[in-house]
Amino acid sequence: MNVNKVRRIKKRCYYSDYVNHAIRFYLSTPESLQTAGKKTADVKNWMAVQAVFYTLNENDKKVLTDVYKTHYRLAEAVRIYCEKTGTDSDNLWVLIAKVGAAIAKRRGLI
């Protein structure tokens, strides 16, 4: 694989931390969100992640859930997941980047 492509995939976008936080928040209550006491931004983030997750196939949802539900930083979680499962980390980073961009777009960040 082209080394420049890998570097481009792993490059952080200005919305990465925001979207990663939104994904982890969504995964803490994926079935429903009690809106009482929640900030409007939290509700909009949850809805954006839910909308994107509903478009994913079950395998991609499971992979992302397994990675994001850990208490590690994202890069470390990806490394551990790939070592455990034998998954190619480049493919996982592509999935994370695509899902992150879709959520950011849905949220109006890009």
PDB file of N, CA and C in Angstrom:
ATOM      1  N   MET A   1       0.837  -1.178   0.000  1.00  0.00           N
ATOM      2  CA  MET A   1       0.000   0.000   0.000  1.00  0.00           C
ATOM      3  C   MET A   1       0.883   1.242   0.000  1.00  0.00           C
ATOM      4  N   ASN A   2       0.413   2.266  -0.621  1.00  0.00           N
ATOM      5  CA  ASN A   2       1.134   3.516  -0.708  1.00  0.00           C
ATOM      6  C   ASN A   2       1.247   4.154   0.673  1.00  0.00           C
ATOM      7  N   VAL A   3       2.479   4.437   1.105  1.00  0.00           N
ATOM      8  CA  VAL A   3       2.724   5.006   2.432  1.00  0.00           C
ATOM      9  C   VAL A   3       2.032   6.356   2.582  1.00  0.00           C
ATOM     10  N   ASN A   4       2.014   7.168   1.550  1.00  0.00           N
ATOM     11  CA  ASN A   4       1.355   8.474   1.639  1.00  0.00           C
ATOM     12  C   ASN A   4      -0.139   8.327   1.895  1.00  0.00           C
ATOM     13  N   LYS A   5      -0.746   7.319   1.321  1.00  0.00           N
ATOM     14  CA  LYS A   5      -2.169   7.085   1.535  1.00  0.00           C
ATOM     15  C   LYS A   5      -2.433   6.754   3.002  1.00  0.00           C
ATOM     16  N   VAL A   6      -1.591   5.924   3.596  1.00  0.00           N
ATOM     17  CA  VAL A   6      -1.751   5.556   4.999  1.00  0.00           C
ATOM     18  C   VAL A   6      -1.604   6.781   5.876  1.00  0.00           C
ATOM     19  N   ARG A   7      -0.630   7.606   5.607  1.00  0.00           N
ATOM     20  CA  ARG A   7      -0.445   8.822   6.400  1.00  0.00           C
ATOM     21  C   ARG A   7      -1.650   9.739   6.275  1.00  0.00           C
ATOM     22  N   ARG A   8      -2.215   9.818   5.089  1.00  0.00           N
ATOM     23  CA  ARG A   8      -3.371  10.684   4.871  1.00  0.00           C
ATOM     24  C   ARG A   8      -4.578  10.161   5.642  1.00  0.00           C
ATOM     25  N   ILE A   9      -4.737   8.862   5.683  1.00  0.00           N
ATOM     26  CA  ILE A   9      -5.859   8.255   6.389  1.00  0.00           C
ATOM     27  C   ILE A   9      -5.765   8.550   7.883  1.00  0.00           C
ATOM     28  N   LYS A  10      -4.574   8.435   8.443  1.00  0.00           N
ATOM     29  CA  LYS A  10      -4.394   8.600   9.883  1.00  0.00           C
ATOM     30  C   LYS A  10      -4.327  10.056  10.309  1.00  0.00           C
ATOM     31  N   LYS A  11      -4.358  10.969   9.362  1.00  0.00           N
ATOM     32  CA  LYS A  11      -4.299  12.390   9.679  1.00  0.00           C
ATOM     33  C   LYS A  11      -5.563  12.796  10.435  1.00  0.00           C
ATOM     34  N   ARG A  12      -5.378  13.550  11.474  1.00  0.00           N
ATOM     35  CA  ARG A  12      -6.510  14.014  12.268  1.00  0.00           C
ATOM     36  C   ARG A  12      -7.160  15.209  11.599  1.00  0.00           C
ATOM     37  N   CYS A  13      -8.455  15.211  11.606  1.00  0.00           N
ATOM     38  CA  CYS A  13      -9.214  16.338  11.080  1.00  0.00           C
ATOM     39  C   CYS A  13      -9.624  17.226  12.247  1.00  0.00           C
ATOM     40  N   TYR A  14      -9.985  18.432  11.951  1.00  0.00           N
ATOM     41  CA  TYR A  14     -10.369  19.363  13.011  1.00  0.00           C
ATOM     42  C   TYR A  14     -11.589  18.889  13.791  1.00  0.00           C
ATOM     43  N   TYR A  15     -12.391  18.035  13.204  1.00  0.00           N
ATOM     44  CA  TYR A  15     -13.600  17.555  13.871  1.00  0.00           C
ATOM     45  C   TYR A  15     -13.422  16.185  14.530  1.00  0.00           C
ATOM     46  N   SER A  16     -12.256  15.584  14.440  1.00  0.00           N
ATOM     47  CA  SER A  16     -12.035  14.215  14.927  1.00  0.00           C
ATOM     48  C   SER A  16     -12.386  14.036  16.401  1.00  0.00           C
ATOM     49  N   ASP A  17     -11.862  14.889  17.266  1.00  0.00           N
ATOM     50  CA  ASP A  17     -12.137  14.742  18.695  1.00  0.00           C
ATOM     51  C   ASP A  17     -13.622  14.898  18.993  1.00  0.00           C
ATOM     52  N   TYR A  18     -14.252  15.852  18.338  1.00  0.00           N
ATOM     53  CA  TYR A  18     -15.674  16.106  18.537  1.00  0.00           C
ATOM     54  C   TYR A  18     -16.491  14.884  18.136  1.00  0.00           C
ATOM     55  N   VAL A  19     -16.203  14.341  16.968  1.00  0.00           N
ATOM     56  CA  VAL A  19     -16.943  13.184  16.460  1.00  0.00           C
ATOM     57  C   VAL A  19     -16.655  11.946  17.308  1.00  0.00           C
ATOM     58  N   ASN A  20     -15.406  11.743  17.707  1.00  0.00           N
ATOM     59  CA  ASN A  20     -15.073  10.590  18.551  1.00  0.00           C
ATOM     60  C   ASN A  20     -15.834  10.647  19.871  1.00  0.00           C
ATOM     61  N   HIS A  21     -15.925  11.839  20.446  1.00  0.00           N
ATOM     62  CA  HIS A  21     -16.691  12.014  21.685  1.00  0.00           C
ATOM     63  C   HIS A  21     -18.171  11.700  21.441  1.00  0.00           C
ATOM     64  N   ALA A  22     -18.706  12.176  20.331  1.00  0.00           N
ATOM     65  CA  ALA A  22     -20.119  11.937  20.000  1.00  0.00           C
ATOM     66  C   ALA A  22     -20.387  10.442  19.822  1.00  0.00           C
ATOM     67  N   ILE A  23     -19.473   9.729  19.180  1.00  0.00           N
ATOM     68  CA  ILE A  23     -19.645   8.289  18.987  1.00  0.00           C
ATOM     69  C   ILE A  23     -19.644   7.571  20.332  1.00  0.00           C
ATOM     70  N   ARG A  24     -18.720   7.913  21.190  1.00  0.00           N
ATOM     71  CA  ARG A  24     -18.659   7.256  22.500  1.00  0.00           C
ATOM     72  C   ARG A  24     -19.893   7.587  23.331  1.00  0.00           C
ATOM     73  N   PHE A  25     -20.387   8.812  23.232  1.00  0.00           N
ATOM     74  CA  PHE A  25     -21.612   9.188  23.931  1.00  0.00           C
ATOM     75  C   PHE A  25     -22.788   8.372  23.396  1.00  0.00           C
ATOM     76  N   TYR A  26     -22.894   8.254  22.097  1.00  0.00           N
ATOM     77  CA  TYR A  26     -23.971   7.473  21.482  1.00  0.00           C
ATOM     78  C   TYR A  26     -23.905   6.016  21.943  1.00  0.00           C
ATOM     79  N   LEU A  27     -22.725   5.431  21.935  1.00  0.00           N
ATOM     80  CA  LEU A  27     -22.578   4.024  22.297  1.00  0.00           C
ATOM     81  C   LEU A  27     -22.863   3.764  23.769  1.00  0.00           C
ATOM     82  N   SER A  28     -22.871   4.811  24.594  1.00  0.00           N
ATOM     83  CA  SER A  28     -23.225   4.620  25.999  1.00  0.00           C
ATOM     84  C   SER A  28     -24.729   4.386  26.156  1.00  0.00           C
ATOM     85  N   THR A  29     -25.535   4.848  25.194  1.00  0.00           N
ATOM     86  CA  THR A  29     -26.986   4.637  25.201  1.00  0.00           C
ATOM     87  C   THR A  29     -27.495   4.492  23.769  1.00  0.00           C
ATOM     88  N   PRO A  30     -27.131   3.405  23.061  1.00  0.00           N
ATOM     89  CA  PRO A  30     -27.473   3.300  21.638  1.00  0.00           C
ATOM     90  C   PRO A  30     -28.960   3.092  21.341  1.00  0.00           C
ATOM     91  N   GLU A  31     -29.713   2.565  22.289  1.00  0.00           N
ATOM     92  CA  GLU A  31     -31.125   2.278  22.023  1.00  0.00           C
ATOM     93  C   GLU A  31     -31.989   3.531  22.077  1.00  0.00           C
ATOM     94  N   SER A  32     -31.769   4.367  23.082  1.00  0.00           N
ATOM     95  CA  SER A  32     -32.548   5.598  23.211  1.00  0.00           C
ATOM     96  C   SER A  32     -31.797   6.577  24.101  1.00  0.00           C
ATOM     97  N   LEU A  33     -32.199   7.815  24.022  1.00  0.00           N
ATOM     98  CA  LEU A  33     -31.554   8.871  24.797  1.00  0.00           C
ATOM     99  C   LEU A  33     -32.621   9.594  25.594  1.00  0.00           C
ATOM    100  N   GLN A  34     -32.427   9.662  26.891  1.00  0.00           N
ATOM    101  CA  GLN A  34     -33.305  10.462  27.729  1.00  0.00           C
ATOM    102  C   GLN A  34     -32.876  11.915  27.563  1.00  0.00           C
ATOM    103  N   THR A  35     -33.735  12.737  26.994  1.00  0.00           N
ATOM    104  CA  THR A  35     -33.348  14.103  26.661  1.00  0.00           C
ATOM    105  C   THR A  35     -33.447  15.066  27.834  1.00  0.00           C
ATOM    106  N   ALA A  36     -34.153  14.681  28.876  1.00  0.00           N
ATOM    107  CA  ALA A  36     -34.288  15.566  30.034  1.00  0.00           C
ATOM    108  C   ALA A  36     -32.917  15.841  30.632  1.00  0.00           C
ATOM    109  N   GLY A  37     -32.580  17.096  30.735  1.00  0.00           N
ATOM    110  CA  GLY A  37     -31.300  17.495  31.317  1.00  0.00           C
ATOM    111  C   GLY A  37     -30.131  17.461  30.353  1.00  0.00           C
ATOM    112  N   LYS A  38     -30.340  17.048  29.130  1.00  0.00           N
ATOM    113  CA  LYS A  38     -29.263  16.991  28.135  1.00  0.00           C
ATOM    114  C   LYS A  38     -29.197  18.309  27.372  1.00  0.00           C
ATOM    115  N   LYS A  39     -28.012  18.683  27.010  1.00  0.00           N
ATOM    116  CA  LYS A  39     -27.817  19.875  26.179  1.00  0.00           C
ATOM    117  C   LYS A  39     -28.314  19.587  24.769  1.00  0.00           C
ATOM    118  N   THR A  40     -28.756  20.633  24.097  1.00  0.00           N
ATOM    119  CA  THR A  40     -29.225  20.486  22.721  1.00  0.00           C
ATOM    120  C   THR A  40     -28.136  19.890  21.837  1.00  0.00           C
ATOM    121  N   ALA A  41     -26.905  20.305  22.032  1.00  0.00           N
ATOM    122  CA  ALA A  41     -25.792  19.790  21.226  1.00  0.00           C
ATOM    123  C   ALA A  41     -25.624  18.289  21.428  1.00  0.00           C
ATOM    124  N   ASP A  42     -25.769  17.818  22.667  1.00  0.00           N
ATOM    125  CA  ASP A  42     -25.644  16.380  22.929  1.00  0.00           C
ATOM    126  C   ASP A  42     -26.723  15.594  22.196  1.00  0.00           C
ATOM    127  N   VAL A  43     -27.938  16.112  22.205  1.00  0.00           N
ATOM    128  CA  VAL A  43     -29.043  15.435  21.523  1.00  0.00           C
ATOM    129  C   VAL A  43     -28.794  15.411  20.022  1.00  0.00           C
ATOM    130  N   LYS A  44     -28.349  16.530  19.457  1.00  0.00           N
ATOM    131  CA  LYS A  44     -28.062  16.580  18.017  1.00  0.00           C
ATOM    132  C   LYS A  44     -26.913  15.652  17.654  1.00  0.00           C
ATOM    133  N   ASN A  45     -25.895  15.584  18.498  1.00  0.00           N
ATOM    134  CA  ASN A  45     -24.770  14.676  18.257  1.00  0.00           C
ATOM    135  C   ASN A  45     -25.249  13.234  18.269  1.00  0.00           C
ATOM    136  N   TRP A  46     -26.043  12.877  19.268  1.00  0.00           N
ATOM    137  CA  TRP A  46     -26.555  11.517  19.390  1.00  0.00           C
ATOM    138  C   TRP A  46     -27.360  11.145  18.153  1.00  0.00           C
ATOM    139  N   MET A  47     -28.207  12.042  17.708  1.00  0.00           N
ATOM    140  CA  MET A  47     -29.045  11.775  16.536  1.00  0.00           C
ATOM    141  C   MET A  47     -28.209  11.647  15.263  1.00  0.00           C
ATOM    142  N   ALA A  48     -27.158  12.450  15.137  1.00  0.00           N
ATOM    143  CA  ALA A  48     -26.289  12.367  13.960  1.00  0.00           C
ATOM    144  C   ALA A  48     -25.567  11.021  13.918  1.00  0.00           C
ATOM    145  N   VAL A  49     -25.043  10.599  15.054  1.00  0.00           N
ATOM    146  CA  VAL A  49     -24.347   9.306  15.106  1.00  0.00           C
ATOM    147  C   VAL A  49     -25.327   8.176  14.828  1.00  0.00           C
ATOM    148  N   GLN A  50     -26.502   8.235  15.423  1.00  0.00           N
ATOM    149  CA  GLN A  50     -27.499   7.197  15.200  1.00  0.00           C
ATOM    150  C   GLN A  50     -27.856   7.087  13.712  1.00  0.00           C
ATOM    151  N   ALA A  51     -28.061   8.221  13.068  1.00  0.00           N
ATOM    152  CA  ALA A  51     -28.424   8.218  11.646  1.00  0.00           C
ATOM    153  C   ALA A  51     -27.339   7.562  10.806  1.00  0.00           C
ATOM    154  N   VAL A  52     -26.088   7.848  11.092  1.00  0.00           N
ATOM    155  CA  VAL A  52     -24.983   7.256  10.328  1.00  0.00           C
ATOM    156  C   VAL A  52     -24.838   5.773  10.667  1.00  0.00           C
ATOM    157  N   PHE A  53     -24.941   5.419  11.935  1.00  0.00           N
ATOM    158  CA  PHE A  53     -24.809   4.014  12.323  1.00  0.00           C
ATOM    159  C   PHE A  53     -25.897   3.156  11.698  1.00  0.00           C
ATOM    160  N   TYR A  54     -27.085   3.688  11.522  1.00  0.00           N
ATOM    161  CA  TYR A  54     -28.166   2.920  10.898  1.00  0.00           C
ATOM    162  C   TYR A  54     -27.866   2.596   9.436  1.00  0.00           C
ATOM    163  N   THR A  55     -26.974   3.339   8.798  1.00  0.00           N
ATOM    164  CA  THR A  55     -26.629   3.072   7.400  1.00  0.00           C
ATOM    165  C   THR A  55     -25.524   2.022   7.268  1.00  0.00           C
ATOM    166  N   LEU A  56     -24.859   1.697   8.364  1.00  0.00           N
ATOM    167  CA  LEU A  56     -23.736   0.757   8.324  1.00  0.00           C
ATOM    168  C   LEU A  56     -24.228  -0.676   8.350  1.00  0.00           C
ATOM    169  N   ASN A  57     -23.421  -1.578   7.784  1.00  0.00           N
ATOM    170  CA  ASN A  57     -23.757  -2.990   7.906  1.00  0.00           C
ATOM    171  C   ASN A  57     -23.412  -3.463   9.319  1.00  0.00           C
ATOM    172  N   GLU A  58     -23.956  -4.599   9.700  1.00  0.00           N
ATOM    173  CA  GLU A  58     -23.803  -5.090  11.075  1.00  0.00           C
ATOM    174  C   GLU A  58     -22.344  -5.317  11.456  1.00  0.00           C
ATOM    175  N   ASN A  59     -21.536  -5.797  10.525  1.00  0.00           N
ATOM    176  CA  ASN A  59     -20.126  -6.041  10.825  1.00  0.00           C
ATOM    177  C   ASN A  59     -19.399  -4.733  11.135  1.00  0.00           C
ATOM    178  N   ASP A  60     -19.623  -3.702  10.315  1.00  0.00           N
ATOM    179  CA  ASP A  60     -18.974  -2.412  10.559  1.00  0.00           C
ATOM    180  C   ASP A  60     -19.414  -1.815  11.891  1.00  0.00           C
ATOM    181  N   LYS A  61     -20.708  -1.942  12.217  1.00  0.00           N
ATOM    182  CA  LYS A  61     -21.207  -1.449  13.515  1.00  0.00           C
ATOM    183  C   LYS A  61     -20.508  -2.165  14.665  1.00  0.00           C
ATOM    184  N   LYS A  62     -20.369  -3.490  14.533  1.00  0.00           N
ATOM    185  CA  LYS A  62     -19.743  -4.262  15.601  1.00  0.00           C
ATOM    186  C   LYS A  62     -18.279  -3.870  15.776  1.00  0.00           C
ATOM    187  N   VAL A  63     -17.574  -3.724  14.675  1.00  0.00           N
ATOM    188  CA  VAL A  63     -16.164  -3.344  14.739  1.00  0.00           C
ATOM    189  C   VAL A  63     -16.022  -1.984  15.419  1.00  0.00           C
ATOM    190  N   LEU A  64     -16.795  -1.001  14.967  1.00  0.00           N
ATOM    191  CA  LEU A  64     -16.711   0.337  15.560  1.00  0.00           C
ATOM    192  C   LEU A  64     -17.105   0.325  17.033  1.00  0.00           C
ATOM    193  N   THR A  65     -18.114  -0.446  17.366  1.00  0.00           N
ATOM    194  CA  THR A  65     -18.528  -0.546  18.768  1.00  0.00           C
ATOM    195  C   THR A  65     -17.412  -1.146  19.610  1.00  0.00           C
ATOM    196  N   ASP A  66     -16.801  -2.209  19.119  1.00  0.00           N
ATOM    197  CA  ASP A  66     -15.701  -2.841  19.854  1.00  0.00           C
ATOM    198  C   ASP A  66     -14.531  -1.884  20.062  1.00  0.00           C
ATOM    199  N   VAL A  67     -14.229  -1.088  19.063  1.00  0.00           N
ATOM    200  CA  VAL A  67     -13.100  -0.155  19.160  1.00  0.00           C
ATOM    201  C   VAL A  67     -13.437   1.015  20.079  1.00  0.00           C
ATOM    202  N   TYR A  68     -14.594   1.619  19.891  1.00  0.00           N
ATOM    203  CA  TYR A  68     -14.932   2.832  20.638  1.00  0.00           C
ATOM    204  C   TYR A  68     -15.366   2.577  22.078  1.00  0.00           C
ATOM    205  N   LYS A  69     -15.795   1.379  22.406  1.00  0.00           N
ATOM    206  CA  LYS A  69     -16.234   1.109  23.777  1.00  0.00           C
ATOM    207  C   LYS A  69     -15.073   0.827  24.731  1.00  0.00           C
ATOM    208  N   THR A  70     -13.878   0.750  24.227  1.00  0.00           N
ATOM    209  CA  THR A  70     -12.723   0.569  25.113  1.00  0.00           C
ATOM    210  C   THR A  70     -12.419   1.892  25.809  1.00  0.00           C
ATOM    211  N   HIS A  71     -11.609   1.807  26.828  1.00  0.00           N
ATOM    212  CA  HIS A  71     -11.227   3.020  27.551  1.00  0.00           C
ATOM    213  C   HIS A  71      -9.850   3.520  27.116  1.00  0.00           C
ATOM    214  N   TYR A  72      -9.428   3.074  25.951  1.00  0.00           N
ATOM    215  CA  TYR A  72      -8.137   3.496  25.415  1.00  0.00           C
ATOM    216  C   TYR A  72      -8.332   4.664  24.458  1.00  0.00           C
ATOM    217  N   ARG A  73      -7.239   5.360  24.206  1.00  0.00           N
ATOM    218  CA  ARG A  73      -7.271   6.364  23.137  1.00  0.00           C
ATOM    219  C   ARG A  73      -7.520   5.614  21.837  1.00  0.00           C
ATOM    220  N   LEU A  74      -8.047   6.304  20.851  1.00  0.00           N
ATOM    221  CA  LEU A  74      -8.493   5.649  19.624  1.00  0.00           C
ATOM    222  C   LEU A  74      -7.368   4.876  18.933  1.00  0.00           C
ATOM    223  N   ALA A  75      -6.199   5.469  18.790  1.00  0.00           N
ATOM    224  CA  ALA A  75      -5.097   4.787  18.103  1.00  0.00           C
ATOM    225  C   ALA A  75      -4.715   3.497  18.820  1.00  0.00           C
ATOM    226  N   GLU A  76      -4.688   3.546  20.140  1.00  0.00           N
ATOM    227  CA  GLU A  76      -4.352   2.358  20.925  1.00  0.00           C
ATOM    228  C   GLU A  76      -5.463   1.310  20.801  1.00  0.00           C
ATOM    229  N   ALA A  77      -6.710   1.746  20.814  1.00  0.00           N
ATOM    230  CA  ALA A  77      -7.841   0.825  20.672  1.00  0.00           C
ATOM    231  C   ALA A  77      -7.806   0.132  19.311  1.00  0.00           C
ATOM    232  N   VAL A  78      -7.464   0.874  18.270  1.00  0.00           N
ATOM    233  CA  VAL A  78      -7.360   0.292  16.927  1.00  0.00           C
ATOM    234  C   VAL A  78      -6.241  -0.742  16.892  1.00  0.00           C
ATOM    235  N   ARG A  79      -5.098  -0.401  17.466  1.00  0.00           N
ATOM    236  CA  ARG A  79      -3.967  -1.326  17.472  1.00  0.00           C
ATOM    237  C   ARG A  79      -4.322  -2.618  18.203  1.00  0.00           C
ATOM    238  N   ILE A  80      -4.923  -2.493  19.369  1.00  0.00           N
ATOM    239  CA  ILE A  80      -5.295  -3.676  20.157  1.00  0.00           C
ATOM    240  C   ILE A  80      -6.329  -4.517  19.414  1.00  0.00           C
ATOM    241  N   TYR A  81      -7.341  -3.867  18.848  1.00  0.00           N
ATOM    242  CA  TYR A  81      -8.379  -4.595  18.118  1.00  0.00           C
ATOM    243  C   TYR A  81      -7.776  -5.357  16.936  1.00  0.00           C
ATOM    244  N   CYS A  82      -6.902  -4.701  16.203  1.00  0.00           N
ATOM    245  CA  CYS A  82      -6.291  -5.342  15.023  1.00  0.00           C
ATOM    246  C   CYS A  82      -5.398  -6.507  15.417  1.00  0.00           C
ATOM    247  N   GLU A  83      -4.681  -6.364  16.523  1.00  0.00           N
ATOM    248  CA  GLU A  83      -3.848  -7.477  16.994  1.00  0.00           C
ATOM    249  C   GLU A  83      -4.702  -8.664  17.417  1.00  0.00           C
ATOM    250  N   LYS A  84      -5.816  -8.405  18.097  1.00  0.00           N
ATOM    251  CA  LYS A  84      -6.701  -9.477  18.569  1.00  0.00           C
ATOM    252  C   LYS A  84      -7.384 -10.204  17.421  1.00  0.00           C
ATOM    253  N   THR A  85      -7.804  -9.453  16.416  1.00  0.00           N
ATOM    254  CA  THR A  85      -8.644 -10.029  15.363  1.00  0.00           C
ATOM    255  C   THR A  85      -7.906 -10.313  14.063  1.00  0.00           C
ATOM    256  N   GLY A  86      -6.691  -9.808  13.930  1.00  0.00           N
ATOM    257  CA  GLY A  86      -5.959  -9.980  12.682  1.00  0.00           C
ATOM    258  C   GLY A  86      -6.462  -9.068  11.577  1.00  0.00           C
ATOM    259  N   THR A  87      -7.204  -8.054  11.950  1.00  0.00           N
ATOM    260  CA  THR A  87      -7.747  -7.086  10.994  1.00  0.00           C
ATOM    261  C   THR A  87      -6.637  -6.165  10.512  1.00  0.00           C
ATOM    262  N   ASP A  88      -6.725  -5.749   9.251  1.00  0.00           N
ATOM    263  CA  ASP A  88      -5.778  -4.790   8.691  1.00  0.00           C
ATOM    264  C   ASP A  88      -6.107  -3.403   9.233  1.00  0.00           C
ATOM    265  N   SER A  89      -5.156  -2.786   9.904  1.00  0.00           N
ATOM    266  CA  SER A  89      -5.421  -1.487  10.528  1.00  0.00           C
ATOM    267  C   SER A  89      -5.722  -0.402   9.497  1.00  0.00           C
ATOM    268  N   ASP A  90      -5.141  -0.503   8.310  1.00  0.00           N
ATOM    269  CA  ASP A  90      -5.423   0.506   7.283  1.00  0.00           C
ATOM    270  C   ASP A  90      -6.903   0.513   6.916  1.00  0.00           C
ATOM    271  N   ASN A  91      -7.491  -0.674   6.774  1.00  0.00           N
ATOM    272  CA  ASN A  91      -8.917  -0.761   6.453  1.00  0.00           C
ATOM    273  C   ASN A  91      -9.779  -0.207   7.582  1.00  0.00           C
ATOM    274  N   LEU A  92      -9.369  -0.464   8.805  1.00  0.00           N
ATOM    275  CA  LEU A  92     -10.119   0.054   9.948  1.00  0.00           C
ATOM    276  C   LEU A  92     -10.031   1.572  10.016  1.00  0.00           C
ATOM    277  N   TRP A  93      -8.853   2.117   9.749  1.00  0.00           N
ATOM    278  CA  TRP A  93      -8.706   3.583   9.752  1.00  0.00           C
ATOM    279  C   TRP A  93      -9.546   4.217   8.646  1.00  0.00           C
ATOM    280  N   VAL A  94      -9.657   3.553   7.511  1.00  0.00           N
ATOM    281  CA  VAL A  94     -10.504   4.063   6.431  1.00  0.00           C
ATOM    282  C   VAL A  94     -11.955   4.093   6.895  1.00  0.00           C
ATOM    283  N   LEU A  95     -12.410   3.015   7.522  1.00  0.00           N
ATOM    284  CA  LEU A  95     -13.780   2.968   8.041  1.00  0.00           C
ATOM    285  C   LEU A  95     -14.013   4.082   9.054  1.00  0.00           C
ATOM    286  N   ILE A  96     -13.098   4.252   9.984  1.00  0.00           N
ATOM    287  CA  ILE A  96     -13.226   5.301  11.007  1.00  0.00           C
ATOM    288  C   ILE A  96     -13.279   6.677  10.353  1.00  0.00           C
ATOM    289  N   ALA A  97     -12.431   6.903   9.358  1.00  0.00           N
ATOM    290  CA  ALA A  97     -12.407   8.201   8.675  1.00  0.00           C
ATOM    291  C   ALA A  97     -13.714   8.466   7.930  1.00  0.00           C
ATOM    292  N   LYS A  98     -14.223   7.453   7.234  1.00  0.00           N
ATOM    293  CA  LYS A  98     -15.470   7.624   6.475  1.00  0.00           C
ATOM    294  C   LYS A  98     -16.654   7.866   7.400  1.00  0.00           C
ATOM    295  N   VAL A  99     -16.744   7.091   8.454  1.00  0.00           N
ATOM    296  CA  VAL A  99     -17.846   7.262   9.403  1.00  0.00           C
ATOM    297  C   VAL A  99     -17.732   8.617  10.102  1.00  0.00           C
ATOM    298  N   GLY A 100     -16.525   8.983  10.491  1.00  0.00           N
ATOM    299  CA  GLY A 100     -16.318  10.285  11.136  1.00  0.00           C
ATOM    300  C   GLY A 100     -16.719  11.436  10.237  1.00  0.00           C
ATOM    301  N   ALA A 101     -16.359  11.354   8.967  1.00  0.00           N
ATOM    302  CA  ALA A 101     -16.718  12.412   8.019  1.00  0.00           C
ATOM    303  C   ALA A 101     -18.228  12.464   7.807  1.00  0.00           C
ATOM    304  N   ALA A 102     -18.875  11.309   7.758  1.00  0.00           N
ATOM    305  CA  ALA A 102     -20.327  11.275   7.575  1.00  0.00           C
ATOM    306  C   ALA A 102     -21.040  11.900   8.773  1.00  0.00           C
ATOM    307  N   ILE A 103     -20.556  11.600   9.965  1.00  0.00           N
ATOM    308  CA  ILE A 103     -21.147  12.182  11.171  1.00  0.00           C
ATOM    309  C   ILE A 103     -20.901  13.690  11.194  1.00  0.00           C
ATOM    310  N   ALA A 104     -19.692  14.105  10.886  1.00  0.00           N
ATOM    311  CA  ALA A 104     -19.365  15.530  10.873  1.00  0.00           C
ATOM    312  C   ALA A 104     -20.220  16.280   9.850  1.00  0.00           C
ATOM    313  N   LYS A 105     -20.424  15.671   8.710  1.00  0.00           N
ATOM    314  CA  LYS A 105     -21.255  16.298   7.682  1.00  0.00           C
ATOM    315  C   LYS A 105     -22.692  16.407   8.160  1.00  0.00           C
ATOM    316  N   ARG A 106     -23.203  15.330   8.738  1.00  0.00           N
ATOM    317  CA  ARG A 106     -24.571  15.326   9.240  1.00  0.00           C
ATOM    318  C   ARG A 106     -24.763  16.349  10.355  1.00  0.00           C
ATOM    319  N   ARG A 107     -23.730  16.576  11.123  1.00  0.00           N
ATOM    320  CA  ARG A 107     -23.766  17.517  12.244  1.00  0.00           C
ATOM    321  C   ARG A 107     -23.508  18.956  11.783  1.00  0.00           C
ATOM    322  N   GLY A 108     -23.133  19.116  10.511  1.00  0.00           N
ATOM    323  CA  GLY A 108     -22.883  20.445   9.969  1.00  0.00           C
ATOM    324  C   GLY A 108     -21.494  20.985  10.234  1.00  0.00           C
ATOM    325  N   LEU A 109     -20.562  20.103  10.555  1.00  0.00           N
ATOM    326  CA  LEU A 109     -19.196  20.530  10.839  1.00  0.00           C
ATOM    327  C   LEU A 109     -18.376  20.686   9.554  1.00  0.00           C
ATOM    328  N   ILE A 110     -18.807  20.016   8.488  1.00  0.00           N
ATOM    329  CA  ILE A 110     -18.135  20.152   7.194  1.00  0.00           C
ATOM    330  C   ILE A 110     -19.167  20.328   6.100  1.00  0.00           C
TER     331      ILE A 110
END
